[in-house]
N, C-alpha and C. Protein backbone atom coordinates (compact mmCIF):
# COMPACT_ATOMS: atom_id res chain seq x y z
N MET A 1 -4.84 6.41 5.61
CA MET A 1 -3.46 6.52 5.25
C MET A 1 -2.66 5.55 6.10
N ARG A 2 -1.65 5.00 5.49
CA ARG A 2 -0.79 4.08 6.22
C ARG A 2 0.66 4.53 6.05
N VAL A 3 1.35 4.57 7.15
CA VAL A 3 2.77 4.85 7.12
C VAL A 3 3.47 3.61 7.65
N TRP A 4 4.46 3.17 6.95
CA TRP A 4 5.18 1.97 7.35
C TRP A 4 6.65 2.30 7.52
N THR A 5 7.20 1.85 8.60
CA THR A 5 8.64 1.92 8.79
C THR A 5 9.09 0.53 9.18
N PRO A 6 10.29 0.15 8.80
CA PRO A 6 10.73 -1.23 9.02
C PRO A 6 10.90 -1.56 10.50
N LEU A 7 10.62 -2.80 10.80
CA LEU A 7 10.82 -3.33 12.14
C LEU A 7 11.80 -4.49 12.03
N ALA A 8 12.03 -5.13 13.13
CA ALA A 8 12.87 -6.33 13.09
C ALA A 8 12.18 -7.39 12.26
N PRO A 9 12.95 -8.25 11.57
CA PRO A 9 12.32 -9.29 10.75
C PRO A 9 11.32 -10.11 11.55
N GLY A 10 10.18 -10.37 10.92
CA GLY A 10 9.15 -11.18 11.56
C GLY A 10 8.10 -10.36 12.28
N LYS A 11 8.32 -9.06 12.48
CA LYS A 11 7.34 -8.21 13.15
C LYS A 11 6.67 -7.34 12.12
N ARG A 12 5.41 -6.96 12.39
CA ARG A 12 4.65 -6.14 11.45
C ARG A 12 4.19 -4.89 12.17
N SER A 13 4.06 -3.78 11.41
CA SER A 13 3.57 -2.54 12.00
C SER A 13 2.14 -2.24 11.58
N GLY A 14 1.52 -3.06 10.77
CA GLY A 14 0.15 -2.81 10.33
C GLY A 14 -0.20 -3.69 9.17
N PRO A 15 -1.43 -3.55 8.63
CA PRO A 15 -1.89 -4.42 7.55
C PRO A 15 -1.03 -4.37 6.30
N SER A 16 -0.40 -3.23 6.03
CA SER A 16 0.38 -3.14 4.80
C SER A 16 1.88 -3.19 5.09
N ALA A 17 2.25 -3.59 6.27
CA ALA A 17 3.65 -3.53 6.67
C ALA A 17 4.52 -4.39 5.78
N GLY A 18 5.50 -3.77 5.19
CA GLY A 18 6.52 -4.51 4.46
C GLY A 18 6.13 -5.00 3.10
N THR A 19 4.98 -4.70 2.61
CA THR A 19 4.60 -5.17 1.29
C THR A 19 5.43 -4.44 0.24
N THR A 20 6.16 -5.18 -0.54
CA THR A 20 6.98 -4.55 -1.57
C THR A 20 6.14 -4.37 -2.83
N PRO A 21 6.42 -3.32 -3.60
CA PRO A 21 5.61 -3.06 -4.79
C PRO A 21 5.63 -4.22 -5.77
N ARG A 22 4.45 -4.68 -6.15
CA ARG A 22 4.25 -5.70 -7.17
C ARG A 22 4.91 -7.06 -6.88
N SER A 23 5.50 -7.24 -5.72
CA SER A 23 6.20 -8.50 -5.50
C SER A 23 5.29 -9.57 -4.92
N GLY A 24 4.27 -9.15 -4.18
CA GLY A 24 3.40 -10.13 -3.54
C GLY A 24 3.98 -10.63 -2.24
N ARG A 25 5.25 -10.35 -1.99
CA ARG A 25 5.86 -10.76 -0.73
C ARG A 25 5.52 -9.72 0.33
N SER A 26 5.26 -10.17 1.55
CA SER A 26 4.87 -9.24 2.60
C SER A 26 5.70 -9.49 3.84
N SER A 27 6.81 -8.81 3.94
CA SER A 27 7.62 -8.89 5.14
C SER A 27 8.57 -7.71 5.18
N PRO A 28 8.94 -7.29 6.37
CA PRO A 28 9.92 -6.21 6.48
C PRO A 28 11.25 -6.56 5.81
N ALA A 29 11.62 -7.83 5.85
CA ALA A 29 12.87 -8.25 5.21
C ALA A 29 12.79 -8.07 3.70
N ALA A 30 11.64 -8.39 3.11
CA ALA A 30 11.47 -8.23 1.66
C ALA A 30 11.53 -6.75 1.29
N ALA A 31 10.89 -5.90 2.09
CA ALA A 31 10.91 -4.46 1.82
C ALA A 31 12.32 -3.92 1.96
N ALA A 32 13.00 -4.30 3.01
CA ALA A 32 14.38 -3.84 3.21
C ALA A 32 15.28 -4.34 2.09
N GLY A 33 15.05 -5.56 1.63
CA GLY A 33 15.83 -6.11 0.52
C GLY A 33 15.61 -5.34 -0.77
N ALA A 34 14.44 -4.72 -0.92
CA ALA A 34 14.13 -3.93 -2.10
C ALA A 34 14.60 -2.48 -1.93
N GLY A 35 15.19 -2.17 -0.79
CA GLY A 35 15.69 -0.83 -0.53
C GLY A 35 14.63 0.12 -0.01
N ILE A 36 13.50 -0.41 0.44
CA ILE A 36 12.42 0.43 0.96
C ILE A 36 12.57 0.55 2.46
N GLY A 37 12.72 1.78 2.92
CA GLY A 37 12.82 2.02 4.36
C GLY A 37 11.51 2.48 4.95
N ALA A 38 10.66 3.12 4.14
CA ALA A 38 9.36 3.60 4.61
C ALA A 38 8.42 3.74 3.41
N CYS A 39 7.15 3.64 3.70
CA CYS A 39 6.12 3.76 2.67
C CYS A 39 4.96 4.57 3.22
N LEU A 40 4.47 5.51 2.43
CA LEU A 40 3.28 6.29 2.78
C LEU A 40 2.23 5.99 1.72
N SER A 41 1.11 5.41 2.13
CA SER A 41 0.03 5.06 1.20
C SER A 41 -1.21 5.87 1.55
N VAL A 42 -1.78 6.54 0.54
CA VAL A 42 -2.97 7.36 0.73
C VAL A 42 -4.06 6.83 -0.20
N PRO A 43 -5.23 6.45 0.35
CA PRO A 43 -6.29 5.92 -0.51
C PRO A 43 -6.84 6.98 -1.46
N LEU A 44 -7.19 6.54 -2.65
CA LEU A 44 -7.80 7.40 -3.66
C LEU A 44 -9.28 7.03 -3.72
N VAL A 45 -10.12 7.87 -3.12
CA VAL A 45 -11.55 7.60 -2.98
C VAL A 45 -12.33 8.57 -3.85
N VAL A 46 -13.24 8.03 -4.65
CA VAL A 46 -14.05 8.82 -5.57
C VAL A 46 -15.51 8.65 -5.21
N ASP A 47 -16.24 9.76 -5.14
CA ASP A 47 -17.69 9.69 -4.94
C ASP A 47 -18.35 9.81 -6.30
N SER A 48 -18.89 8.71 -6.76
CA SER A 48 -19.59 8.70 -8.05
C SER A 48 -20.87 7.91 -7.87
N THR A 49 -21.05 6.87 -8.64
CA THR A 49 -22.26 6.05 -8.49
C THR A 49 -22.24 5.30 -7.16
N VAL A 50 -21.03 5.01 -6.68
CA VAL A 50 -20.86 4.34 -5.39
C VAL A 50 -20.16 5.33 -4.46
N PRO A 51 -20.86 5.88 -3.46
CA PRO A 51 -20.21 6.84 -2.57
C PRO A 51 -19.01 6.21 -1.85
N GLY A 52 -17.90 6.93 -1.87
CA GLY A 52 -16.70 6.44 -1.19
C GLY A 52 -16.03 5.27 -1.88
N GLU A 53 -16.13 5.20 -3.20
CA GLU A 53 -15.53 4.09 -3.95
C GLU A 53 -14.00 4.21 -3.96
N LEU A 54 -13.33 3.18 -3.50
CA LEU A 54 -11.87 3.14 -3.51
C LEU A 54 -11.40 2.71 -4.90
N VAL A 55 -10.69 3.60 -5.59
CA VAL A 55 -10.25 3.30 -6.95
C VAL A 55 -8.74 3.08 -7.04
N GLY A 56 -8.04 3.28 -5.96
CA GLY A 56 -6.59 3.08 -5.98
C GLY A 56 -5.94 3.76 -4.80
N SER A 57 -4.65 3.97 -4.92
CA SER A 57 -3.93 4.67 -3.86
C SER A 57 -2.68 5.31 -4.43
N PHE A 58 -2.25 6.34 -3.74
CA PHE A 58 -0.95 6.94 -4.03
C PHE A 58 0.02 6.35 -3.02
N ASN A 59 1.10 5.81 -3.51
CA ASN A 59 2.12 5.23 -2.65
C ASN A 59 3.44 5.94 -2.88
N VAL A 60 4.04 6.36 -1.80
CA VAL A 60 5.34 7.01 -1.86
C VAL A 60 6.30 6.18 -1.02
N TYR A 61 7.45 5.87 -1.60
CA TYR A 61 8.43 5.04 -0.93
C TYR A 61 9.70 5.84 -0.67
N SER A 62 10.41 5.46 0.36
CA SER A 62 11.68 6.10 0.68
C SER A 62 12.66 5.04 1.17
N ASP A 63 13.92 5.34 0.96
CA ASP A 63 14.94 4.43 1.47
C ASP A 63 15.29 4.74 2.93
N ARG A 64 14.79 5.86 3.44
CA ARG A 64 15.02 6.23 4.84
C ARG A 64 13.84 5.78 5.69
N GLY A 65 14.10 5.19 6.81
CA GLY A 65 13.05 4.69 7.69
C GLY A 65 12.20 5.77 8.32
N GLU A 66 12.74 6.94 8.55
CA GLU A 66 12.01 8.03 9.19
C GLU A 66 11.61 9.11 8.18
N ALA A 67 11.32 8.73 6.98
CA ALA A 67 11.10 9.68 5.90
C ALA A 67 9.80 10.46 6.02
N PHE A 68 8.78 9.89 6.60
CA PHE A 68 7.46 10.51 6.59
C PHE A 68 7.00 10.86 8.00
N ASP A 69 6.31 12.00 8.10
CA ASP A 69 5.74 12.43 9.37
C ASP A 69 4.28 12.82 9.15
N PRO A 70 3.55 13.22 10.19
CA PRO A 70 2.13 13.57 10.02
C PRO A 70 1.89 14.69 8.99
N PHE A 71 2.83 15.61 8.86
CA PHE A 71 2.68 16.67 7.86
C PHE A 71 2.66 16.07 6.45
N ASP A 72 3.52 15.09 6.20
CA ASP A 72 3.56 14.43 4.90
C ASP A 72 2.23 13.74 4.60
N GLU A 73 1.63 13.14 5.62
CA GLU A 73 0.33 12.50 5.43
C GLU A 73 -0.71 13.53 4.97
N LYS A 74 -0.73 14.70 5.63
CA LYS A 74 -1.68 15.75 5.26
C LYS A 74 -1.35 16.31 3.88
N LEU A 75 -0.09 16.46 3.59
CA LEU A 75 0.34 16.99 2.29
C LEU A 75 -0.08 16.07 1.15
N MET A 76 -0.05 14.77 1.36
CA MET A 76 -0.43 13.81 0.32
C MET A 76 -1.92 13.86 0.00
N ARG A 77 -2.71 14.49 0.85
CA ARG A 77 -4.14 14.62 0.56
C ARG A 77 -4.38 15.57 -0.62
N LEU A 78 -3.47 16.51 -0.85
CA LEU A 78 -3.65 17.46 -1.94
C LEU A 78 -3.70 16.78 -3.31
N PRO A 79 -2.68 16.02 -3.71
CA PRO A 79 -2.78 15.38 -5.03
C PRO A 79 -3.86 14.30 -5.07
N THR A 80 -4.12 13.68 -3.93
CA THR A 80 -5.17 12.65 -3.89
C THR A 80 -6.53 13.27 -4.15
N THR A 81 -6.80 14.40 -3.52
CA THR A 81 -8.07 15.10 -3.72
C THR A 81 -8.21 15.56 -5.17
N ALA A 82 -7.14 16.11 -5.73
CA ALA A 82 -7.18 16.58 -7.12
C ALA A 82 -7.40 15.41 -8.08
N ALA A 83 -6.72 14.31 -7.85
CA ALA A 83 -6.88 13.14 -8.73
C ALA A 83 -8.30 12.58 -8.62
N ALA A 84 -8.84 12.53 -7.41
CA ALA A 84 -10.21 12.03 -7.24
C ALA A 84 -11.21 12.91 -7.98
N ALA A 85 -11.01 14.23 -7.92
CA ALA A 85 -11.90 15.14 -8.65
C ALA A 85 -11.78 14.94 -10.15
N ALA A 86 -10.55 14.75 -10.64
CA ALA A 86 -10.35 14.53 -12.08
C ALA A 86 -11.00 13.23 -12.54
N ILE A 87 -10.87 12.18 -11.77
CA ILE A 87 -11.50 10.90 -12.12
C ILE A 87 -13.01 11.04 -12.12
N SER A 88 -13.55 11.70 -11.11
CA SER A 88 -15.00 11.90 -11.02
C SER A 88 -15.51 12.72 -12.21
N ASN A 89 -14.79 13.78 -12.55
CA ASN A 89 -15.20 14.61 -13.70
C ASN A 89 -15.12 13.83 -15.01
N ALA A 90 -14.09 13.02 -15.17
CA ALA A 90 -13.96 12.21 -16.39
C ALA A 90 -15.11 11.21 -16.51
N ARG A 91 -15.49 10.63 -15.38
CA ARG A 91 -16.62 9.70 -15.40
C ARG A 91 -17.92 10.41 -15.77
N ARG A 92 -18.11 11.61 -15.22
CA ARG A 92 -19.31 12.38 -15.55
C ARG A 92 -19.33 12.75 -17.03
N TRP A 93 -18.18 13.16 -17.56
CA TRP A 93 -18.06 13.53 -18.97
C TRP A 93 -18.41 12.33 -19.85
N GLN A 94 -17.89 11.17 -19.50
CA GLN A 94 -18.17 9.97 -20.27
C GLN A 94 -19.66 9.63 -20.21
N ALA A 95 -20.25 9.72 -19.03
CA ALA A 95 -21.68 9.42 -18.89
C ALA A 95 -22.52 10.40 -19.70
N ALA A 96 -22.13 11.67 -19.70
CA ALA A 96 -22.87 12.67 -20.48
C ALA A 96 -22.76 12.36 -21.97
N GLY A 97 -21.58 11.96 -22.42
CA GLY A 97 -21.40 11.60 -23.83
C GLY A 97 -22.25 10.41 -24.22
N GLU A 98 -22.34 9.42 -23.34
CA GLU A 98 -23.17 8.25 -23.62
C GLU A 98 -24.65 8.63 -23.67
N THR A 99 -25.07 9.52 -22.78
CA THR A 99 -26.46 9.98 -22.78
C THR A 99 -26.78 10.72 -24.08
N ILE A 100 -25.87 11.57 -24.52
CA ILE A 100 -26.06 12.31 -25.77
C ILE A 100 -26.19 11.34 -26.95
N ALA A 101 -25.34 10.34 -27.00
CA ALA A 101 -25.41 9.36 -28.09
C ALA A 101 -26.74 8.62 -28.08
N GLN A 102 -27.23 8.25 -26.91
CA GLN A 102 -28.52 7.56 -26.80
C GLN A 102 -29.67 8.47 -27.26
N LEU A 103 -29.60 9.74 -26.85
CA LEU A 103 -30.65 10.68 -27.26
C LEU A 103 -30.65 10.91 -28.76
N GLU A 104 -29.48 10.96 -29.37
CA GLU A 104 -29.40 11.13 -30.83
C GLU A 104 -30.04 9.95 -31.55
N VAL A 105 -29.83 8.74 -31.02
CA VAL A 105 -30.44 7.55 -31.62
C VAL A 105 -31.96 7.62 -31.49
N VAL A 106 -32.43 8.00 -30.30
CA VAL A 106 -33.87 8.08 -30.06
C VAL A 106 -34.50 9.14 -30.95
N LEU A 107 -33.87 10.31 -31.06
CA LEU A 107 -34.43 11.37 -31.89
C LEU A 107 -34.41 10.99 -33.37
N GLY A 108 -33.40 10.25 -33.80
CA GLY A 108 -33.36 9.78 -35.19
C GLY A 108 -34.48 8.82 -35.49
N SER A 109 -34.77 7.91 -34.56
CA SER A 109 -35.86 6.96 -34.79
C SER A 109 -37.21 7.66 -34.68
N ARG A 110 -37.27 8.72 -33.90
CA ARG A 110 -38.53 9.48 -33.77
C ARG A 110 -38.93 10.09 -35.12
N ALA A 111 -37.96 10.61 -35.87
CA ALA A 111 -38.26 11.19 -37.20
C ALA A 111 -38.80 10.11 -38.13
N GLU A 112 -38.26 8.91 -38.07
CA GLU A 112 -38.74 7.81 -38.91
C GLU A 112 -40.17 7.43 -38.54
N ILE A 113 -40.47 7.44 -37.25
CA ILE A 113 -41.83 7.11 -36.79
C ILE A 113 -42.82 8.16 -37.29
N ASP A 114 -42.44 9.45 -37.18
CA ASP A 114 -43.32 10.52 -37.67
C ASP A 114 -43.58 10.40 -39.16
N GLN A 115 -42.57 10.02 -39.95
CA GLN A 115 -42.75 9.86 -41.39
C GLN A 115 -43.68 8.70 -41.68
N ALA A 116 -43.61 7.65 -40.90
CA ALA A 116 -44.46 6.48 -41.11
C ALA A 116 -45.93 6.84 -40.81
N LYS A 117 -46.16 7.71 -39.85
CA LYS A 117 -47.54 8.11 -39.52
C LYS A 117 -48.18 8.89 -40.65
N VAL A 118 -47.40 9.69 -41.38
CA VAL A 118 -47.93 10.52 -42.46
C VAL A 118 -48.38 9.64 -43.63
N CYS A 119 -47.69 8.57 -43.87
CA CYS A 119 -48.01 7.70 -45.01
C CYS A 119 -49.20 6.92 -44.70
């Protein structure tokens, strides 16, 4: 998790300091210009075929510099955990559907093979 609060222009508080959403600009001045005073980013990690796969993040922005505290960081784990479970379940459901479709094809061709043996 990363919490960012603005610093004086030209200074950074961490790897994601001052990055404004979708702008590509990375500076406290750019964030302040966009009205962002603080940002809380929580990684969205899913355990599927790749353990610990990072699939995104939840980002919460505030216009107040002191908007987030350690409790907020812990609180953000709740929706992140639920979203990760939903993504993992959706992937499993899709994989099961693909397996079923493959088995139906194999069983269909098996009947044709059996008929060919009788002739």
